[in-house]
Amino acid sequence: MVDRIEKVFHNASYDCQFLGGKSKVKKINCTLELAKKVPYYIAPLPNYQLKTVAELGYT
């Protein structure tokens, strides 16, 4: 059941350390990795902190 739950983290590689490692945790999305993939001209972020990314208001 837990493997079917979608998990969203900001900096998933850090959070997964506490869940047994990234190889053991399934169905992960990382908002930090996603934010880094957005081109600067679309979302000119001064940094990739969760607060900064959240202030963009994308849903």
N, C-alpha and C. Protein backbone atom coordinates (compact mmCIF):
# COMPACT_ATOMS: atom_id res chain seq x y z
N MET A 1 0.82 -1.20 0.00
CA MET A 1 0.00 0.00 0.00
C MET A 1 0.86 1.26 0.00
N VAL A 2 1.90 1.28 0.83
CA VAL A 2 2.76 2.46 0.93
C VAL A 2 3.45 2.76 -0.39
N ASP A 3 3.78 1.73 -1.15
CA ASP A 3 4.44 1.92 -2.44
C ASP A 3 3.54 2.59 -3.47
N ARG A 4 2.24 2.57 -3.26
CA ARG A 4 1.31 3.19 -4.20
C ARG A 4 1.06 4.65 -3.88
N ILE A 5 1.51 5.12 -2.75
CA ILE A 5 1.28 6.51 -2.34
C ILE A 5 2.32 7.42 -2.99
N GLU A 6 1.85 8.47 -3.66
CA GLU A 6 2.74 9.45 -4.27
C GLU A 6 3.31 10.34 -3.17
N LYS A 7 4.63 10.48 -3.15
CA LYS A 7 5.30 11.28 -2.13
C LYS A 7 5.98 12.46 -2.79
N VAL A 8 5.80 13.65 -2.22
CA VAL A 8 6.40 14.87 -2.76
C VAL A 8 7.26 15.49 -1.67
N PHE A 9 8.53 15.71 -2.00
CA PHE A 9 9.48 16.30 -1.07
C PHE A 9 10.16 17.48 -1.74
N HIS A 10 10.72 18.35 -0.95
CA HIS A 10 11.63 19.37 -1.45
C HIS A 10 13.01 18.93 -0.96
N ASN A 11 13.86 18.55 -1.89
CA ASN A 11 15.17 17.95 -1.61
C ASN A 11 14.96 16.50 -1.15
N ALA A 12 14.37 15.72 -2.01
CA ALA A 12 14.02 14.33 -1.72
C ALA A 12 15.21 13.48 -1.31
N SER A 13 16.38 13.75 -1.87
CA SER A 13 17.55 12.93 -1.51
C SER A 13 17.86 13.03 -0.02
N TYR A 14 17.62 14.19 0.57
CA TYR A 14 17.82 14.36 2.01
C TYR A 14 16.73 13.63 2.80
N ASP A 15 15.48 13.86 2.43
CA ASP A 15 14.36 13.27 3.17
C ASP A 15 14.35 11.75 3.11
N CYS A 16 14.75 11.20 1.97
CA CYS A 16 14.74 9.74 1.81
C CYS A 16 15.74 9.03 2.70
N GLN A 17 16.75 9.73 3.17
CA GLN A 17 17.71 9.14 4.10
C GLN A 17 17.00 8.62 5.35
N PHE A 18 15.93 9.29 5.74
CA PHE A 18 15.20 8.93 6.95
C PHE A 18 14.14 7.86 6.69
N LEU A 19 13.95 7.53 5.42
CA LEU A 19 12.94 6.52 5.05
C LEU A 19 13.59 5.24 4.53
N GLY A 20 14.87 5.07 4.79
CA GLY A 20 15.56 3.85 4.39
C GLY A 20 16.37 3.96 3.11
N GLY A 21 16.50 5.15 2.57
CA GLY A 21 17.28 5.33 1.34
C GLY A 21 16.41 5.50 0.12
N LYS A 22 16.92 6.22 -0.85
CA LYS A 22 16.14 6.52 -2.05
C LYS A 22 15.76 5.27 -2.84
N SER A 23 16.59 4.24 -2.75
CA SER A 23 16.28 3.00 -3.49
C SER A 23 15.10 2.25 -2.89
N LYS A 24 14.79 2.49 -1.62
CA LYS A 24 13.68 1.79 -0.97
C LYS A 24 12.37 2.56 -1.05
N VAL A 25 12.44 3.85 -1.34
CA VAL A 25 11.24 4.68 -1.39
C VAL A 25 10.77 4.78 -2.83
N LYS A 26 9.51 4.46 -3.06
CA LYS A 26 8.95 4.46 -4.41
C LYS A 26 8.02 5.65 -4.59
N LYS A 27 7.77 5.99 -5.85
CA LYS A 27 6.84 7.06 -6.25
C LYS A 27 7.18 8.39 -5.57
N ILE A 28 8.36 8.91 -5.89
CA ILE A 28 8.86 10.15 -5.30
C ILE A 28 8.86 11.25 -6.35
N ASN A 29 8.47 12.45 -5.95
CA ASN A 29 8.66 13.65 -6.74
C ASN A 29 9.41 14.65 -5.88
N CYS A 30 10.36 15.33 -6.49
CA CYS A 30 11.18 16.29 -5.75
C CYS A 30 10.96 17.68 -6.34
N THR A 31 10.41 18.59 -5.55
CA THR A 31 10.16 19.95 -6.05
C THR A 31 11.46 20.69 -6.31
N LEU A 32 12.53 20.36 -5.62
CA LEU A 32 13.83 20.99 -5.87
C LEU A 32 14.34 20.61 -7.26
N GLU A 33 14.30 19.33 -7.59
CA GLU A 33 14.74 18.88 -8.91
C GLU A 33 13.87 19.46 -10.01
N LEU A 34 12.57 19.51 -9.78
CA LEU A 34 11.66 20.08 -10.78
C LEU A 34 11.92 21.56 -10.99
N ALA A 35 12.15 22.31 -9.91
CA ALA A 35 12.41 23.75 -10.01
C ALA A 35 13.69 24.02 -10.79
N LYS A 36 14.68 23.18 -10.63
CA LYS A 36 15.95 23.36 -11.34
C LYS A 36 15.82 23.10 -12.84
N LYS A 37 14.78 22.39 -13.25
CA LYS A 37 14.56 22.10 -14.67
C LYS A 37 13.83 23.22 -15.40
N VAL A 38 13.21 24.14 -14.66
CA VAL A 38 12.47 25.24 -15.28
C VAL A 38 13.48 26.29 -15.76
N PRO A 39 13.42 26.68 -17.04
CA PRO A 39 14.36 27.67 -17.55
C PRO A 39 14.25 29.01 -16.80
N TYR A 40 15.38 29.67 -16.66
CA TYR A 40 15.44 30.93 -15.90
C TYR A 40 14.50 31.99 -16.48
N TYR A 41 14.36 32.04 -17.81
CA TYR A 41 13.51 33.07 -18.41
C TYR A 41 12.03 32.85 -18.10
N ILE A 42 11.65 31.64 -17.72
CA ILE A 42 10.26 31.36 -17.34
C ILE A 42 10.03 31.67 -15.87
N ALA A 43 10.97 31.28 -15.04
CA ALA A 43 10.85 31.50 -13.59
C ALA A 43 12.21 31.93 -13.05
N PRO A 44 12.49 33.24 -13.07
CA PRO A 44 13.79 33.72 -12.60
C PRO A 44 13.92 33.64 -11.08
N LEU A 45 14.34 32.50 -10.60
CA LEU A 45 14.46 32.28 -9.16
C LEU A 45 15.83 32.73 -8.66
N PRO A 46 15.86 33.50 -7.56
CA PRO A 46 17.15 33.88 -6.98
C PRO A 46 17.82 32.72 -6.26
N ASN A 47 17.01 31.74 -5.84
CA ASN A 47 17.52 30.54 -5.17
C ASN A 47 16.45 29.45 -5.30
N TYR A 48 16.75 28.28 -4.81
CA TYR A 48 15.81 27.16 -4.92
C TYR A 48 15.24 26.73 -3.57
N GLN A 49 15.18 27.64 -2.63
CA GLN A 49 14.59 27.32 -1.33
C GLN A 49 13.10 27.05 -1.52
N LEU A 50 12.54 26.20 -0.68
CA LEU A 50 11.12 25.85 -0.79
C LEU A 50 10.24 27.09 -0.75
N LYS A 51 10.53 28.01 0.13
CA LYS A 51 9.72 29.23 0.25
C LYS A 51 9.72 30.01 -1.07
N THR A 52 10.88 30.14 -1.69
CA THR A 52 10.99 30.87 -2.95
C THR A 52 10.22 30.17 -4.06
N VAL A 53 10.35 28.87 -4.16
CA VAL A 53 9.64 28.10 -5.18
C VAL A 53 8.13 28.19 -4.96
N ALA A 54 7.70 28.09 -3.72
CA ALA A 54 6.27 28.14 -3.40
C ALA A 54 5.66 29.51 -3.72
N GLU A 55 6.44 30.57 -3.59
CA GLU A 55 5.93 31.92 -3.86
C GLU A 55 5.60 32.14 -5.33
N LEU A 56 6.11 31.29 -6.21
CA LEU A 56 5.77 31.41 -7.63
C LEU A 56 4.29 31.16 -7.87
N GLY A 57 3.69 30.31 -7.04
CA GLY A 57 2.26 30.05 -7.13
C GLY A 57 1.83 29.12 -8.24
N TYR A 58 2.75 28.35 -8.81
CA TYR A 58 2.36 27.37 -9.83
C TYR A 58 1.60 26.23 -9.16
N THR A 59 0.52 25.81 -9.80
CA THR A 59 -0.24 24.68 -9.26
C THR A 59 -0.47 23.65 -10.33
